Amino acid sequence: MANPSTGAPANPLDQLRDIHLPEAISWWPMAPGWWILIIGGAALLVWLIRFFFRRHSAKLYRRQALEKLHRLKLIGDSQQQLRELFELLKQTAISAYPNRHPSSKSIDQFIVFLQRSCDKAVFDKGNIEFDKALYSSSSHNSDHNDELFEDAKTWIKQHLSEDKLELDDLC
């Protein structure tokens, strides 16, 4: 086409428009993949917090028993120490195994229960007569108390959880 005023052919490039750049990519609204990632991450974080809180709470009885065990060592009377040691062990066993009722057994059966519920060798000193030591009116020989306290500490720290015990009749 010719330009009517000059009669020269019209330049087709004059009819082109300038290049329009697209808008900058915004971070909002996010793509669905990011929403899924955020929700999944938040769910994982909540699950981890609950897991560690439950784990910490489940071991509370162990921490309390170890603290009480430490206080028991300070008692002067060896027979009273021994009685309170086994009272503490029975309380801890009840907390650890509420469905097995370990404290209702005799002292010898309770010792067998403690031995079977721990992977480590505990209370295996055969020369101690626990019935006489606990219930006699005579003074107990305190030579074995340190060994018993170490065994009790080992058992409190390392006894098996109830779901890991074998199904044989421990109690």
N, C-alpha and C. Protein backbone atom coordinates (compact mmCIF):
# COMPACT_ATOMS: atom_id res chain seq x y z
N MET A 1 0.83 -1.17 0.00
CA MET A 1 0.00 0.00 0.00
C MET A 1 0.87 1.23 0.00
N ALA A 2 0.37 2.14 -0.65
CA ALA A 2 1.12 3.38 -0.80
C ALA A 2 0.63 4.38 0.21
N ASN A 3 1.54 5.19 0.61
CA ASN A 3 1.21 6.27 1.53
C ASN A 3 0.46 7.33 0.74
N PRO A 4 -0.78 7.71 1.12
CA PRO A 4 -1.55 8.64 0.30
C PRO A 4 -0.91 10.02 0.21
N SER A 5 -0.20 10.48 1.19
CA SER A 5 0.36 11.82 1.10
C SER A 5 1.65 11.86 0.27
N THR A 6 2.45 10.87 0.32
CA THR A 6 3.70 10.88 -0.42
C THR A 6 3.67 9.98 -1.63
N GLY A 7 2.83 9.08 -1.62
CA GLY A 7 2.74 8.16 -2.72
C GLY A 7 3.76 7.04 -2.65
N ALA A 8 4.61 7.03 -1.63
CA ALA A 8 5.60 5.97 -1.48
C ALA A 8 4.96 4.77 -0.81
N PRO A 9 5.49 3.61 -1.12
CA PRO A 9 4.92 2.44 -0.49
C PRO A 9 5.10 2.50 1.04
N ALA A 10 4.14 2.05 1.79
CA ALA A 10 4.19 2.08 3.26
C ALA A 10 5.15 0.99 3.78
N ASN A 11 5.87 1.32 4.82
CA ASN A 11 6.80 0.37 5.44
C ASN A 11 6.01 -0.55 6.38
N PRO A 12 6.03 -1.84 6.11
CA PRO A 12 5.26 -2.74 6.96
C PRO A 12 5.80 -2.80 8.39
N LEU A 13 7.04 -2.44 8.64
CA LEU A 13 7.60 -2.49 9.98
C LEU A 13 6.99 -1.41 10.88
N ASP A 14 6.45 -0.37 10.24
CA ASP A 14 5.83 0.68 11.02
C ASP A 14 4.55 0.19 11.69
N GLN A 15 4.00 -0.86 11.20
CA GLN A 15 2.76 -1.37 11.76
C GLN A 15 3.00 -2.32 12.95
N LEU A 16 4.27 -2.70 13.23
CA LEU A 16 4.57 -3.60 14.35
C LEU A 16 4.46 -2.86 15.67
N ARG A 17 4.03 -3.57 16.67
CA ARG A 17 3.95 -3.01 18.02
C ARG A 17 5.25 -3.36 18.77
N ASP A 18 5.52 -2.62 19.84
CA ASP A 18 6.68 -2.92 20.66
C ASP A 18 6.51 -4.27 21.35
N ILE A 19 7.62 -4.88 21.74
CA ILE A 19 7.60 -6.16 22.45
C ILE A 19 7.14 -5.90 23.88
N HIS A 20 6.13 -6.66 24.27
CA HIS A 20 5.64 -6.56 25.65
C HIS A 20 6.15 -7.75 26.44
N LEU A 21 6.95 -7.51 27.48
CA LEU A 21 7.47 -8.58 28.32
C LEU A 21 6.38 -9.06 29.27
N PRO A 22 6.39 -10.35 29.59
CA PRO A 22 5.39 -10.85 30.54
C PRO A 22 5.68 -10.31 31.93
N GLU A 23 4.67 -10.39 32.79
CA GLU A 23 4.86 -9.95 34.18
C GLU A 23 5.88 -10.86 34.87
N ALA A 24 6.57 -10.34 35.86
CA ALA A 24 7.54 -11.14 36.62
C ALA A 24 6.79 -12.26 37.34
N ILE A 25 7.44 -13.38 37.44
CA ILE A 25 6.82 -14.53 38.10
C ILE A 25 6.75 -14.25 39.59
N SER A 26 5.58 -14.37 40.16
CA SER A 26 5.36 -14.09 41.57
C SER A 26 5.50 -15.37 42.38
N TRP A 27 5.90 -15.23 43.62
CA TRP A 27 5.99 -16.41 44.48
C TRP A 27 4.63 -16.75 45.06
N TRP A 28 3.69 -15.87 44.91
CA TRP A 28 2.34 -16.12 45.41
C TRP A 28 1.34 -15.99 44.29
N PRO A 29 0.45 -16.78 44.11
CA PRO A 29 0.13 -18.01 44.83
C PRO A 29 1.08 -19.12 44.41
N MET A 30 1.33 -19.99 45.38
CA MET A 30 2.27 -21.08 45.14
C MET A 30 1.61 -22.19 44.32
N ALA A 31 2.46 -22.93 43.69
CA ALA A 31 1.99 -24.07 42.89
C ALA A 31 1.52 -25.17 43.84
N PRO A 32 0.66 -26.05 43.38
CA PRO A 32 0.14 -27.12 44.25
C PRO A 32 1.22 -28.02 44.83
N GLY A 33 2.29 -28.22 44.12
CA GLY A 33 3.38 -29.06 44.63
C GLY A 33 4.00 -28.48 45.89
N TRP A 34 4.14 -27.16 45.93
CA TRP A 34 4.69 -26.51 47.13
C TRP A 34 3.72 -26.66 48.30
N TRP A 35 2.43 -26.56 48.06
CA TRP A 35 1.44 -26.74 49.13
C TRP A 35 1.52 -28.16 49.70
N ILE A 36 1.66 -29.12 48.83
CA ILE A 36 1.76 -30.52 49.28
C ILE A 36 3.04 -30.70 50.10
N LEU A 37 4.13 -30.11 49.65
CA LEU A 37 5.40 -30.21 50.38
C LEU A 37 5.29 -29.55 51.75
N ILE A 38 4.67 -28.40 51.84
CA ILE A 38 4.53 -27.69 53.12
C ILE A 38 3.65 -28.50 54.08
N ILE A 39 2.53 -29.01 53.59
CA ILE A 39 1.64 -29.78 54.46
C ILE A 39 2.32 -31.07 54.91
N GLY A 40 3.01 -31.73 54.00
CA GLY A 40 3.74 -32.95 54.37
C GLY A 40 4.84 -32.67 55.39
N GLY A 41 5.57 -31.59 55.20
CA GLY A 41 6.62 -31.23 56.15
C GLY A 41 6.06 -30.89 57.52
N ALA A 42 4.94 -30.16 57.54
CA ALA A 42 4.31 -29.82 58.82
C ALA A 42 3.80 -31.08 59.53
N ALA A 43 3.22 -32.01 58.78
CA ALA A 43 2.73 -33.26 59.37
C ALA A 43 3.90 -34.07 59.93
N LEU A 44 4.99 -34.12 59.21
CA LEU A 44 6.17 -34.83 59.67
C LEU A 44 6.73 -34.20 60.94
N LEU A 45 6.77 -32.89 60.99
CA LEU A 45 7.26 -32.19 62.17
C LEU A 45 6.38 -32.46 63.39
N VAL A 46 5.07 -32.43 63.21
CA VAL A 46 4.15 -32.73 64.31
C VAL A 46 4.34 -34.16 64.79
N TRP A 47 4.49 -35.10 63.85
CA TRP A 47 4.69 -36.50 64.22
C TRP A 47 6.01 -36.67 65.00
N LEU A 48 7.08 -36.03 64.55
CA LEU A 48 8.37 -36.13 65.25
C LEU A 48 8.30 -35.56 66.66
N ILE A 49 7.62 -34.44 66.82
CA ILE A 49 7.48 -33.84 68.15
C ILE A 49 6.71 -34.78 69.06
N ARG A 50 5.62 -35.33 68.58
CA ARG A 50 4.82 -36.27 69.39
C ARG A 50 5.62 -37.52 69.71
N PHE A 51 6.39 -38.04 68.75
CA PHE A 51 7.19 -39.24 68.96
C PHE A 51 8.21 -39.02 70.07
N PHE A 52 8.96 -37.93 69.99
CA PHE A 52 9.99 -37.68 70.99
C PHE A 52 9.39 -37.32 72.35
N PHE A 53 8.26 -36.65 72.36
CA PHE A 53 7.60 -36.35 73.63
C PHE A 53 7.12 -37.63 74.30
N ARG A 54 6.51 -38.53 73.54
CA ARG A 54 6.04 -39.80 74.11
C ARG A 54 7.21 -40.65 74.58
N ARG A 55 8.27 -40.64 73.82
CA ARG A 55 9.46 -41.41 74.20
C ARG A 55 10.05 -40.87 75.50
N HIS A 56 10.12 -39.55 75.60
CA HIS A 56 10.63 -38.92 76.81
C HIS A 56 9.72 -39.22 78.00
N SER A 57 8.42 -39.14 77.79
CA SER A 57 7.47 -39.41 78.86
C SER A 57 7.48 -40.88 79.27
N ALA A 58 7.69 -41.76 78.32
CA ALA A 58 7.69 -43.19 78.62
C ALA A 58 8.89 -43.58 79.49
N LYS A 59 9.93 -42.82 79.45
CA LYS A 59 11.13 -43.14 80.24
C LYS A 59 11.19 -42.36 81.55
N LEU A 60 10.13 -41.66 81.87
CA LEU A 60 10.10 -40.87 83.10
C LEU A 60 10.27 -41.76 84.32
N TYR A 61 9.62 -42.91 84.37
CA TYR A 61 9.72 -43.78 85.55
C TYR A 61 11.16 -44.26 85.74
N ARG A 62 11.91 -44.44 84.66
CA ARG A 62 13.31 -44.84 84.80
C ARG A 62 14.14 -43.72 85.44
N ARG A 63 13.92 -42.50 84.97
CA ARG A 63 14.68 -41.37 85.54
C ARG A 63 14.34 -41.18 87.02
N GLN A 64 13.06 -41.31 87.37
CA GLN A 64 12.66 -41.16 88.76
C GLN A 64 13.24 -42.28 89.62
N ALA A 65 13.25 -43.50 89.09
CA ALA A 65 13.80 -44.63 89.85
C ALA A 65 15.30 -44.47 90.07
N LEU A 66 16.01 -44.00 89.06
CA LEU A 66 17.46 -43.79 89.22
C LEU A 66 17.75 -42.70 90.25
N GLU A 67 16.91 -41.68 90.25
CA GLU A 67 17.08 -40.60 91.24
C GLU A 67 16.83 -41.13 92.65
N LYS A 68 15.79 -41.93 92.81
CA LYS A 68 15.49 -42.49 94.13
C LYS A 68 16.57 -43.48 94.54
N LEU A 69 17.09 -44.23 93.60
CA LEU A 69 18.17 -45.17 93.90
C LEU A 69 19.40 -44.43 94.43
N HIS A 70 19.69 -43.31 93.82
CA HIS A 70 20.83 -42.49 94.28
C HIS A 70 20.60 -42.01 95.72
N ARG A 71 19.36 -41.62 96.03
CA ARG A 71 19.05 -41.17 97.39
C ARG A 71 19.10 -42.32 98.39
N LEU A 72 18.76 -43.53 97.94
CA LEU A 72 18.79 -44.69 98.84
C LEU A 72 20.21 -45.01 99.30
N LYS A 73 21.18 -44.74 98.48
CA LYS A 73 22.57 -45.04 98.86
C LYS A 73 23.01 -44.22 100.06
N LEU A 74 22.33 -43.13 100.31
CA LEU A 74 22.73 -42.25 101.41
C LEU A 74 22.18 -42.70 102.76
N ILE A 75 21.27 -43.66 102.78
CA ILE A 75 20.71 -44.17 104.03
C ILE A 75 21.78 -44.98 104.74
N GLY A 76 21.87 -44.82 106.04
CA GLY A 76 22.93 -45.47 106.80
C GLY A 76 22.68 -46.93 107.12
N ASP A 77 21.45 -47.30 107.45
CA ASP A 77 21.13 -48.66 107.85
C ASP A 77 21.08 -49.57 106.63
N SER A 78 21.93 -50.61 106.62
CA SER A 78 22.03 -51.47 105.43
C SER A 78 20.77 -52.30 105.22
N GLN A 79 20.12 -52.74 106.29
CA GLN A 79 18.90 -53.54 106.13
C GLN A 79 17.76 -52.67 105.59
N GLN A 80 17.67 -51.44 106.07
CA GLN A 80 16.66 -50.51 105.55
C GLN A 80 16.95 -50.19 104.08
N GLN A 81 18.22 -50.05 103.74
CA GLN A 81 18.61 -49.84 102.34
C GLN A 81 18.12 -50.97 101.46
N LEU A 82 18.34 -52.19 101.93
CA LEU A 82 17.95 -53.37 101.16
C LEU A 82 16.43 -53.44 100.99
N ARG A 83 15.70 -53.18 102.05
CA ARG A 83 14.23 -53.20 101.97
C ARG A 83 13.73 -52.15 100.98
N GLU A 84 14.25 -50.95 101.10
CA GLU A 84 13.79 -49.87 100.22
C GLU A 84 14.26 -50.08 98.78
N LEU A 85 15.41 -50.75 98.62
CA LEU A 85 15.88 -51.08 97.28
C LEU A 85 14.89 -52.01 96.58
N PHE A 86 14.45 -53.05 97.28
CA PHE A 86 13.51 -53.97 96.66
C PHE A 86 12.12 -53.35 96.52
N GLU A 87 11.77 -52.45 97.40
CA GLU A 87 10.52 -51.70 97.23
C GLU A 87 10.59 -50.85 95.97
N LEU A 88 11.72 -50.21 95.76
CA LEU A 88 11.91 -49.40 94.55
C LEU A 88 11.88 -50.28 93.30
N LEU A 89 12.54 -51.43 93.36
CA LEU A 89 12.55 -52.33 92.20
C LEU A 89 11.14 -52.82 91.88
N LYS A 90 10.35 -53.11 92.91
CA LYS A 90 8.97 -53.55 92.67
C LYS A 90 8.13 -52.43 92.08
N GLN A 91 8.30 -51.21 92.58
CA GLN A 91 7.57 -50.07 92.01
C GLN A 91 7.95 -49.85 90.56
N THR A 92 9.22 -49.95 90.27
CA THR A 92 9.68 -49.77 88.89
C THR A 92 9.16 -50.88 87.99
N ALA A 93 9.17 -52.12 88.50
CA ALA A 93 8.66 -53.25 87.72
C ALA A 93 7.16 -53.08 87.45
N ILE A 94 6.42 -52.57 88.41
CA ILE A 94 4.99 -52.33 88.20
C ILE A 94 4.79 -51.27 87.13
N SER A 95 5.62 -50.23 87.15
CA SER A 95 5.51 -49.17 86.12
C SER A 95 5.89 -49.70 84.74
N ALA A 96 6.89 -50.56 84.70
CA ALA A 96 7.36 -51.08 83.41
C ALA A 96 6.45 -52.17 82.86
N TYR A 97 5.91 -52.98 83.74
CA TYR A 97 5.11 -54.14 83.31
C TYR A 97 3.78 -54.17 84.07
N PRO A 98 2.89 -53.25 83.81
CA PRO A 98 1.64 -53.18 84.59
C PRO A 98 0.73 -54.39 84.39
N ASN A 99 0.84 -55.09 83.29
CA ASN A 99 -0.05 -56.22 83.02
C ASN A 99 0.48 -57.54 83.57
N ARG A 100 1.69 -57.55 84.06
CA ARG A 100 2.29 -58.81 84.53
C ARG A 100 2.28 -58.96 86.05
N HIS A 101 2.01 -57.91 86.78
CA HIS A 101 1.92 -57.91 88.25
C HIS A 101 3.14 -58.56 88.90
N PRO A 102 4.33 -58.05 88.63
CA PRO A 102 5.54 -58.70 89.15
C PRO A 102 5.69 -58.58 90.67
N SER A 103 5.09 -57.60 91.28
CA SER A 103 5.31 -57.41 92.71
C SER A 103 4.52 -58.41 93.57
N SER A 104 3.62 -59.15 92.97
CA SER A 104 2.82 -60.10 93.74
C SER A 104 3.54 -61.42 93.99
N LYS A 105 4.70 -61.59 93.42
CA LYS A 105 5.45 -62.84 93.57
C LYS A 105 6.35 -62.80 94.80
N SER A 106 6.81 -63.97 95.19
CA SER A 106 7.77 -64.05 96.30
C SER A 106 9.08 -63.39 95.87
N ILE A 107 9.94 -63.17 96.83
CA ILE A 107 11.19 -62.46 96.53
C ILE A 107 12.06 -63.27 95.57
N ASP A 108 12.08 -64.59 95.71
CA ASP A 108 12.89 -65.41 94.80
C ASP A 108 12.32 -65.39 93.38
N GLN A 109 10.99 -65.47 93.26
CA GLN A 109 10.38 -65.39 91.94
C GLN A 109 10.56 -64.00 91.34
N PHE A 110 10.54 -62.98 92.18
CA PHE A 110 10.76 -61.62 91.70
C PHE A 110 12.19 -61.45 91.18
N ILE A 111 13.16 -62.03 91.86
CA ILE A 111 14.55 -61.97 91.40
C ILE A 111 14.68 -62.66 90.04
N VAL A 112 14.02 -63.81 89.88
CA VAL A 112 14.05 -64.52 88.59
C VAL A 112 13.42 -63.64 87.51
N PHE A 113 12.33 -62.96 87.85
CA PHE A 113 11.70 -62.04 86.90
C PHE A 113 12.66 -60.93 86.49
N LEU A 114 13.36 -60.35 87.46
CA LEU A 114 14.32 -59.28 87.15
C LEU A 114 15.43 -59.80 86.24
N GLN A 115 15.89 -61.00 86.50
CA GLN A 115 16.95 -61.58 85.68
C GLN A 115 16.48 -61.82 84.25
N ARG A 116 15.26 -62.30 84.09
CA ARG A 116 14.76 -62.61 82.76
C ARG A 116 14.33 -61.39 81.97
N SER A 117 14.04 -60.32 82.66
CA SER A 117 13.55 -59.13 81.96
C SER A 117 14.67 -58.16 81.58
N CYS A 118 15.91 -58.59 81.74
CA CYS A 118 17.05 -57.74 81.39
C CYS A 118 18.06 -58.56 80.59
N ASP A 119 18.63 -57.94 79.57
CA ASP A 119 19.62 -58.63 78.75
C ASP A 119 20.95 -58.82 79.49
N LYS A 120 21.23 -57.96 80.42
CA LYS A 120 22.48 -58.05 81.19
C LYS A 120 22.28 -59.01 82.36
N ALA A 121 23.37 -59.54 82.85
CA ALA A 121 23.30 -60.43 84.02
C ALA A 121 23.16 -59.58 85.27
N VAL A 122 22.02 -59.71 85.93
CA VAL A 122 21.78 -58.95 87.16
C VAL A 122 21.30 -59.90 88.25
N PHE A 123 21.63 -59.57 89.48
CA PHE A 123 21.20 -60.31 90.67
C PHE A 123 21.53 -61.81 90.54
N ASP A 124 22.72 -62.09 90.04
CA ASP A 124 23.11 -63.49 89.86
C ASP A 124 24.11 -63.95 90.91
N LYS A 125 24.28 -63.18 91.96
CA LYS A 125 25.15 -63.60 93.05
C LYS A 125 24.38 -64.60 93.89
N GLY A 126 24.70 -65.86 93.81
CA GLY A 126 23.93 -66.92 94.44
C GLY A 126 24.12 -67.03 95.94
N ASN A 127 25.09 -66.32 96.49
CA ASN A 127 25.37 -66.48 97.91
C ASN A 127 24.55 -65.55 98.80
N ILE A 128 23.60 -64.83 98.26
CA ILE A 128 22.76 -63.93 99.05
C ILE A 128 21.41 -64.61 99.26
N GLU A 129 21.00 -64.71 100.50
CA GLU A 129 19.67 -65.22 100.81
C GLU A 129 18.77 -64.02 101.05
N PHE A 130 18.01 -63.66 100.05
CA PHE A 130 17.23 -62.44 100.11
C PHE A 130 16.12 -62.50 101.15
N ASP A 131 15.50 -63.65 101.33
CA ASP A 131 14.44 -63.76 102.33
C ASP A 131 14.97 -63.41 103.72
N LYS A 132 16.10 -64.00 104.07
CA LYS A 132 16.68 -63.75 105.40
C LYS A 132 17.16 -62.31 105.51
N ALA A 133 17.76 -61.82 104.45
CA ALA A 133 18.31 -60.47 104.50
C ALA A 133 17.20 -59.42 104.63
N LEU A 134 16.09 -59.66 103.96
CA LEU A 134 15.01 -58.67 103.97
C LEU A 134 14.14 -58.74 105.22
N TYR A 135 13.87 -59.94 105.70
CA TYR A 135 12.83 -60.09 106.71
C TYR A 135 13.32 -60.52 108.08
N SER A 136 14.59 -60.74 108.25
CA SER A 136 15.08 -61.13 109.57
C SER A 136 15.28 -59.89 110.42
N SER A 137 15.27 -60.11 111.72
CA SER A 137 15.46 -58.97 112.64
C SER A 137 16.94 -58.69 112.87
N SER A 138 17.78 -59.62 112.50
CA SER A 138 19.22 -59.40 112.66
C SER A 138 19.73 -58.46 111.59
N SER A 139 20.85 -57.86 111.87
CA SER A 139 21.43 -56.89 110.94
C SER A 139 21.95 -57.61 109.69
N HIS A 140 21.73 -56.99 108.57
CA HIS A 140 22.15 -57.55 107.28
C HIS A 140 23.60 -57.16 107.01
N ASN A 141 24.33 -58.06 106.42
CA ASN A 141 25.71 -57.80 106.04
C ASN A 141 25.71 -56.84 104.85
N SER A 142 26.30 -55.71 104.98
CA SER A 142 26.25 -54.67 103.94
C SER A 142 27.30 -54.86 102.85
N ASP A 143 28.04 -55.97 102.88
CA ASP A 143 29.07 -56.19 101.85
C ASP A 143 28.46 -56.30 100.46
N HIS A 144 27.29 -56.88 100.38
CA HIS A 144 26.66 -57.13 99.09
C HIS A 144 25.82 -55.95 98.59
N ASN A 145 25.61 -54.95 99.42
CA ASN A 145 24.72 -53.85 99.03
C ASN A 145 25.23 -53.09 97.81
N ASP A 146 26.54 -52.88 97.73
CA ASP A 146 27.08 -52.16 96.57
C ASP A 146 26.82 -52.93 95.28
N GLU A 147 27.00 -54.25 95.34
CA GLU A 147 26.73 -55.08 94.15
C GLU A 147 25.24 -55.03 93.81
N LEU A 148 24.39 -55.08 94.83
CA LEU A 148 22.94 -55.04 94.59
C LEU A 148 22.52 -53.69 94.00
N PHE A 149 23.12 -52.62 94.48
CA PHE A 149 22.80 -51.30 93.94
C PHE A 149 23.24 -51.18 92.48
N GLU A 150 24.40 -51.74 92.16
CA GLU A 150 24.86 -51.71 90.76
C GLU A 150 23.95 -52.55 89.87
N ASP A 151 23.54 -53.73 90.39
CA ASP A 151 22.61 -54.55 89.62
C ASP A 151 21.27 -53.84 89.43
N ALA A 152 20.80 -53.18 90.48
CA ALA A 152 19.53 -52.45 90.38
C ALA A 152 19.64 -51.31 89.37
N LYS A 153 20.76 -50.61 89.40
CA LYS A 153 20.96 -49.52 88.45
C LYS A 153 20.99 -50.05 87.02
N THR A 154 21.67 -51.17 86.83
CA THR A 154 21.72 -51.79 85.50
C THR A 154 20.33 -52.21 85.05
N TRP A 155 19.57 -52.85 85.96
CA TRP A 155 18.24 -53.30 85.58
C TRP A 155 17.32 -52.13 85.24
N ILE A 156 17.37 -51.07 86.05
CA ILE A 156 16.50 -49.92 85.80
C ILE A 156 16.83 -49.30 84.45
N LYS A 157 18.09 -49.20 84.13
CA LYS A 157 18.49 -48.57 82.87
C LYS A 157 18.21 -49.46 81.66
N GLN A 158 18.37 -50.77 81.80
CA GLN A 158 18.42 -51.62 80.61
C GLN A 158 17.38 -52.72 80.56
N HIS A 159 16.36 -52.70 81.43
CA HIS A 159 15.36 -53.76 81.32
C HIS A 159 14.57 -53.60 80.03
N LEU A 160 14.06 -54.71 79.56
CA LEU A 160 13.35 -54.73 78.29
C LEU A 160 11.97 -54.09 78.44
N SER A 161 11.49 -53.53 77.36
CA SER A 161 10.12 -53.02 77.38
C SER A 161 9.17 -54.21 77.36
N GLU A 162 7.92 -53.96 77.75
CA GLU A 162 6.97 -55.06 77.90
C GLU A 162 6.72 -55.79 76.59
N ASP A 163 6.71 -55.07 75.49
CA ASP A 163 6.44 -55.73 74.22
C ASP A 163 7.63 -56.58 73.74
N LYS A 164 8.80 -56.42 74.32
CA LYS A 164 9.96 -57.20 73.91
C LYS A 164 10.22 -58.41 74.81
N LEU A 165 9.43 -58.54 75.88
CA LEU A 165 9.59 -59.70 76.73
C LEU A 165 9.07 -60.93 76.02
N GLU A 166 9.69 -62.04 76.32
CA GLU A 166 9.20 -63.29 75.74
C GLU A 166 7.87 -63.63 76.38
N LEU A 167 7.10 -64.42 75.72
CA LEU A 167 5.75 -64.72 76.19
C LEU A 167 5.70 -65.80 77.26
N ASP A 168 6.84 -66.32 77.68
CA ASP A 168 6.79 -67.31 78.74
C ASP A 168 6.32 -66.66 80.03
N ASP A 169 5.95 -67.46 80.97
CA ASP A 169 5.32 -66.94 82.18
C ASP A 169 6.38 -66.39 83.12
N LEU A 170 6.69 -65.11 82.93
CA LEU A 170 7.63 -64.45 83.84
C LEU A 170 6.95 -64.08 85.14
N CYS A 171 5.73 -63.71 85.03
CA CYS A 171 4.96 -63.33 86.22
C CYS A 171 3.54 -63.75 86.04
